[in-house]
Amino acid sequence: MNSFIVPKKMLIGVWLGLLVLLLLTWGLAQFDLHHFNVAAALTIAAAKMILVILFFMHVRYKPPLTWLFVAADLFGSSL
């Protein structure tokens, strides 16, 4: 089985991106956007989820069948 070694530089970049999204979430909580609060918070949460799934769970480097099961889990767990 082939395994792809993710460079540390990329993982640090993803981690920094997650920190930026965390600060964005905190900043969003400081403002009252009325009806857009939920949409903005869910958009940020989805971006964080995608980063974690793709890079820290190594799904980005897996075959298409793995992508299919990950997608099925995402859509199946929301029902």
N, C-alpha and C. Protein backbone atom coordinates (compact mmCIF):
# COMPACT_ATOMS: atom_id res chain seq x y z
N MET A 1 0.85 -1.17 0.00
CA MET A 1 0.00 0.00 0.00
C MET A 1 0.89 1.23 0.00
N ASN A 2 0.62 2.13 -0.91
CA ASN A 2 1.40 3.37 -0.99
C ASN A 2 0.90 4.37 0.03
N SER A 3 1.81 5.09 0.61
CA SER A 3 1.42 6.16 1.53
C SER A 3 2.15 7.43 1.13
N PHE A 4 1.45 8.52 1.20
CA PHE A 4 2.02 9.80 0.85
C PHE A 4 2.42 10.51 2.12
N ILE A 5 3.64 10.99 2.18
CA ILE A 5 4.11 11.73 3.35
C ILE A 5 3.86 13.21 3.11
N VAL A 6 3.03 13.78 3.94
CA VAL A 6 2.68 15.20 3.80
C VAL A 6 3.82 16.03 4.39
N PRO A 7 4.32 16.99 3.63
CA PRO A 7 5.40 17.83 4.16
C PRO A 7 4.96 18.63 5.39
N LYS A 8 5.88 18.80 6.31
CA LYS A 8 5.57 19.54 7.53
C LYS A 8 5.15 20.97 7.22
N LYS A 9 5.75 21.54 6.18
CA LYS A 9 5.43 22.91 5.80
C LYS A 9 3.94 23.03 5.44
N MET A 10 3.41 22.03 4.75
CA MET A 10 2.00 22.06 4.38
C MET A 10 1.11 21.91 5.61
N LEU A 11 1.48 21.00 6.51
CA LEU A 11 0.68 20.81 7.71
C LEU A 11 0.68 22.05 8.59
N ILE A 12 1.82 22.72 8.67
CA ILE A 12 1.89 23.96 9.45
C ILE A 12 1.03 25.03 8.80
N GLY A 13 1.04 25.08 7.47
CA GLY A 13 0.19 26.04 6.76
C GLY A 13 -1.28 25.79 7.00
N VAL A 14 -1.68 24.53 6.99
CA VAL A 14 -3.08 24.17 7.27
C VAL A 14 -3.42 24.52 8.70
N TRP A 15 -2.52 24.24 9.62
CA TRP A 15 -2.75 24.57 11.03
C TRP A 15 -2.91 26.08 11.21
N LEU A 16 -2.06 26.85 10.54
CA LEU A 16 -2.20 28.31 10.62
C LEU A 16 -3.52 28.78 10.01
N GLY A 17 -3.93 28.13 8.92
CA GLY A 17 -5.22 28.44 8.33
C GLY A 17 -6.36 28.16 9.29
N LEU A 18 -6.26 27.06 10.02
CA LEU A 18 -7.28 26.74 11.03
C LEU A 18 -7.29 27.77 12.16
N LEU A 19 -6.11 28.25 12.53
CA LEU A 19 -6.05 29.29 13.56
C LEU A 19 -6.69 30.59 13.07
N VAL A 20 -6.45 30.93 11.81
CA VAL A 20 -7.07 32.14 11.25
C VAL A 20 -8.59 31.99 11.22
N LEU A 21 -9.06 30.81 10.83
CA LEU A 21 -10.50 30.58 10.84
C LEU A 21 -11.07 30.61 12.25
N LEU A 22 -10.30 30.14 13.22
CA LEU A 22 -10.72 30.23 14.62
C LEU A 22 -10.87 31.68 15.05
N LEU A 23 -9.89 32.50 14.70
CA LEU A 23 -9.97 33.93 15.04
C LEU A 23 -11.12 34.60 14.30
N LEU A 24 -11.38 34.18 13.08
CA LEU A 24 -12.50 34.71 12.33
C LEU A 24 -13.82 34.34 13.00
N THR A 25 -13.90 33.13 13.50
CA THR A 25 -15.10 32.69 14.23
C THR A 25 -15.30 33.55 15.48
N TRP A 26 -14.23 33.78 16.21
CA TRP A 26 -14.31 34.61 17.41
C TRP A 26 -14.72 36.04 17.04
N GLY A 27 -14.11 36.57 15.99
CA GLY A 27 -14.46 37.93 15.56
C GLY A 27 -15.90 38.03 15.12
N LEU A 28 -16.39 37.00 14.47
CA LEU A 28 -17.78 36.99 14.04
C LEU A 28 -18.73 37.01 15.23
N ALA A 29 -18.33 36.36 16.30
CA ALA A 29 -19.18 36.33 17.50
C ALA A 29 -19.28 37.69 18.16
N GLN A 30 -18.36 38.60 17.85
CA GLN A 30 -18.37 39.93 18.46
C GLN A 30 -19.36 40.87 17.77
N PHE A 31 -19.81 40.51 16.58
CA PHE A 31 -20.72 41.36 15.81
C PHE A 31 -22.08 40.71 15.68
N ASP A 32 -23.10 41.55 15.62
CA ASP A 32 -24.45 41.05 15.43
C ASP A 32 -24.84 41.26 13.97
N LEU A 33 -24.85 40.18 13.21
CA LEU A 33 -25.19 40.24 11.80
C LEU A 33 -26.63 39.80 11.55
N HIS A 34 -27.39 39.70 12.61
CA HIS A 34 -28.80 39.30 12.56
C HIS A 34 -28.95 37.93 11.88
N HIS A 35 -29.57 37.89 10.73
CA HIS A 35 -29.88 36.61 10.07
C HIS A 35 -28.65 35.94 9.47
N PHE A 36 -27.57 36.69 9.29
CA PHE A 36 -26.39 36.14 8.63
C PHE A 36 -25.41 35.48 9.60
N ASN A 37 -25.65 35.59 10.90
CA ASN A 37 -24.75 34.98 11.88
C ASN A 37 -24.62 33.47 11.67
N VAL A 38 -25.75 32.81 11.52
CA VAL A 38 -25.73 31.35 11.39
C VAL A 38 -25.06 30.94 10.08
N ALA A 39 -25.40 31.62 9.00
CA ALA A 39 -24.81 31.27 7.70
C ALA A 39 -23.30 31.48 7.71
N ALA A 40 -22.84 32.57 8.29
CA ALA A 40 -21.41 32.85 8.34
C ALA A 40 -20.69 31.83 9.24
N ALA A 41 -21.28 31.51 10.38
CA ALA A 41 -20.66 30.55 11.29
C ALA A 41 -20.59 29.16 10.65
N LEU A 42 -21.64 28.76 9.95
CA LEU A 42 -21.63 27.45 9.30
C LEU A 42 -20.64 27.40 8.14
N THR A 43 -20.47 28.51 7.44
CA THR A 43 -19.50 28.56 6.35
C THR A 43 -18.08 28.41 6.89
N ILE A 44 -17.78 29.09 7.97
CA ILE A 44 -16.46 28.97 8.59
C ILE A 44 -16.24 27.56 9.12
N ALA A 45 -17.26 27.00 9.75
CA ALA A 45 -17.16 25.63 10.29
C ALA A 45 -16.95 24.62 9.16
N ALA A 46 -17.61 24.82 8.03
CA ALA A 46 -17.45 23.91 6.90
C ALA A 46 -16.03 24.00 6.35
N ALA A 47 -15.48 25.22 6.29
CA ALA A 47 -14.10 25.38 5.81
C ALA A 47 -13.12 24.66 6.74
N LYS A 48 -13.32 24.78 8.04
CA LYS A 48 -12.45 24.09 8.99
C LYS A 48 -12.59 22.58 8.86
N MET A 49 -13.82 22.11 8.68
CA MET A 49 -14.05 20.68 8.53
C MET A 49 -13.35 20.14 7.29
N ILE A 50 -13.44 20.86 6.18
CA ILE A 50 -12.81 20.42 4.94
C ILE A 50 -11.30 20.35 5.10
N LEU A 51 -10.70 21.34 5.76
CA LEU A 51 -9.25 21.32 5.98
C LEU A 51 -8.83 20.12 6.81
N VAL A 52 -9.56 19.85 7.86
CA VAL A 52 -9.22 18.73 8.74
C VAL A 52 -9.37 17.40 8.00
N ILE A 53 -10.46 17.23 7.27
CA ILE A 53 -10.69 15.98 6.56
C ILE A 53 -9.63 15.76 5.48
N LEU A 54 -9.37 16.80 4.69
CA LEU A 54 -8.45 16.63 3.57
C LEU A 54 -7.01 16.43 4.00
N PHE A 55 -6.54 17.20 4.97
CA PHE A 55 -5.11 17.17 5.28
C PHE A 55 -4.76 16.35 6.51
N PHE A 56 -5.46 16.53 7.62
CA PHE A 56 -5.09 15.81 8.83
C PHE A 56 -5.59 14.37 8.82
N MET A 57 -6.66 14.10 8.07
CA MET A 57 -7.12 12.72 7.92
C MET A 57 -6.59 12.10 6.63
N HIS A 58 -5.81 12.84 5.87
CA HIS A 58 -5.12 12.38 4.66
C HIS A 58 -6.06 11.89 3.57
N VAL A 59 -7.27 12.38 3.53
CA VAL A 59 -8.22 11.96 2.50
C VAL A 59 -7.81 12.51 1.13
N ARG A 60 -7.12 13.62 1.12
CA ARG A 60 -6.71 14.24 -0.15
C ARG A 60 -5.87 13.29 -1.00
N TYR A 61 -5.13 12.42 -0.38
CA TYR A 61 -4.20 11.55 -1.10
C TYR A 61 -4.71 10.12 -1.24
N LYS A 62 -5.96 9.90 -0.95
CA LYS A 62 -6.55 8.56 -1.02
C LYS A 62 -7.27 8.35 -2.35
N PRO A 63 -7.56 7.10 -2.67
CA PRO A 63 -8.26 6.80 -3.93
C PRO A 63 -9.71 7.30 -3.91
N PRO A 64 -10.35 7.38 -5.08
CA PRO A 64 -11.72 7.91 -5.17
C PRO A 64 -12.74 7.16 -4.33
N LEU A 65 -12.53 5.87 -4.10
CA LEU A 65 -13.47 5.12 -3.27
C LEU A 65 -13.51 5.67 -1.84
N THR A 66 -12.37 6.07 -1.34
CA THR A 66 -12.33 6.66 0.00
C THR A 66 -13.11 7.97 0.02
N TRP A 67 -12.95 8.77 -1.04
CA TRP A 67 -13.70 10.03 -1.14
C TRP A 67 -15.20 9.77 -1.13
N LEU A 68 -15.60 8.71 -1.80
CA LEU A 68 -17.02 8.36 -1.85
C LEU A 68 -17.55 8.03 -0.46
N PHE A 69 -16.80 7.27 0.31
CA PHE A 69 -17.24 6.92 1.65
C PHE A 69 -17.24 8.11 2.59
N VAL A 70 -16.28 9.00 2.44
CA VAL A 70 -16.25 10.21 3.26
C VAL A 70 -17.46 11.08 2.93
N ALA A 71 -17.75 11.24 1.65
CA ALA A 71 -18.92 12.03 1.24
C ALA A 71 -20.21 11.39 1.74
N ALA A 72 -20.30 10.07 1.66
CA ALA A 72 -21.49 9.38 2.15
C ALA A 72 -21.66 9.58 3.65
N ASP A 73 -20.56 9.59 4.38
CA ASP A 73 -20.63 9.82 5.81
C ASP A 73 -21.09 11.24 6.12
N LEU A 74 -20.57 12.21 5.37
CA LEU A 74 -20.95 13.60 5.61
C LEU A 74 -22.44 13.83 5.35
N PHE A 75 -22.91 13.31 4.23
CA PHE A 75 -24.32 13.53 3.89
C PHE A 75 -25.23 12.60 4.68
N GLY A 76 -24.77 11.42 5.00
CA GLY A 76 -25.59 10.48 5.76
C GLY A 76 -25.75 10.87 7.22
N SER A 77 -24.73 11.49 7.80
CA SER A 77 -24.81 11.87 9.21
C SER A 77 -25.65 13.11 9.42
N SER A 78 -25.95 13.85 8.34
CA SER A 78 -26.75 15.06 8.51
C SER A 78 -28.25 14.76 8.42
N LEU A 79 -28.61 13.52 8.11
CA LEU A 79 -30.04 13.18 8.00
C LEU A 79 -30.67 12.96 9.34
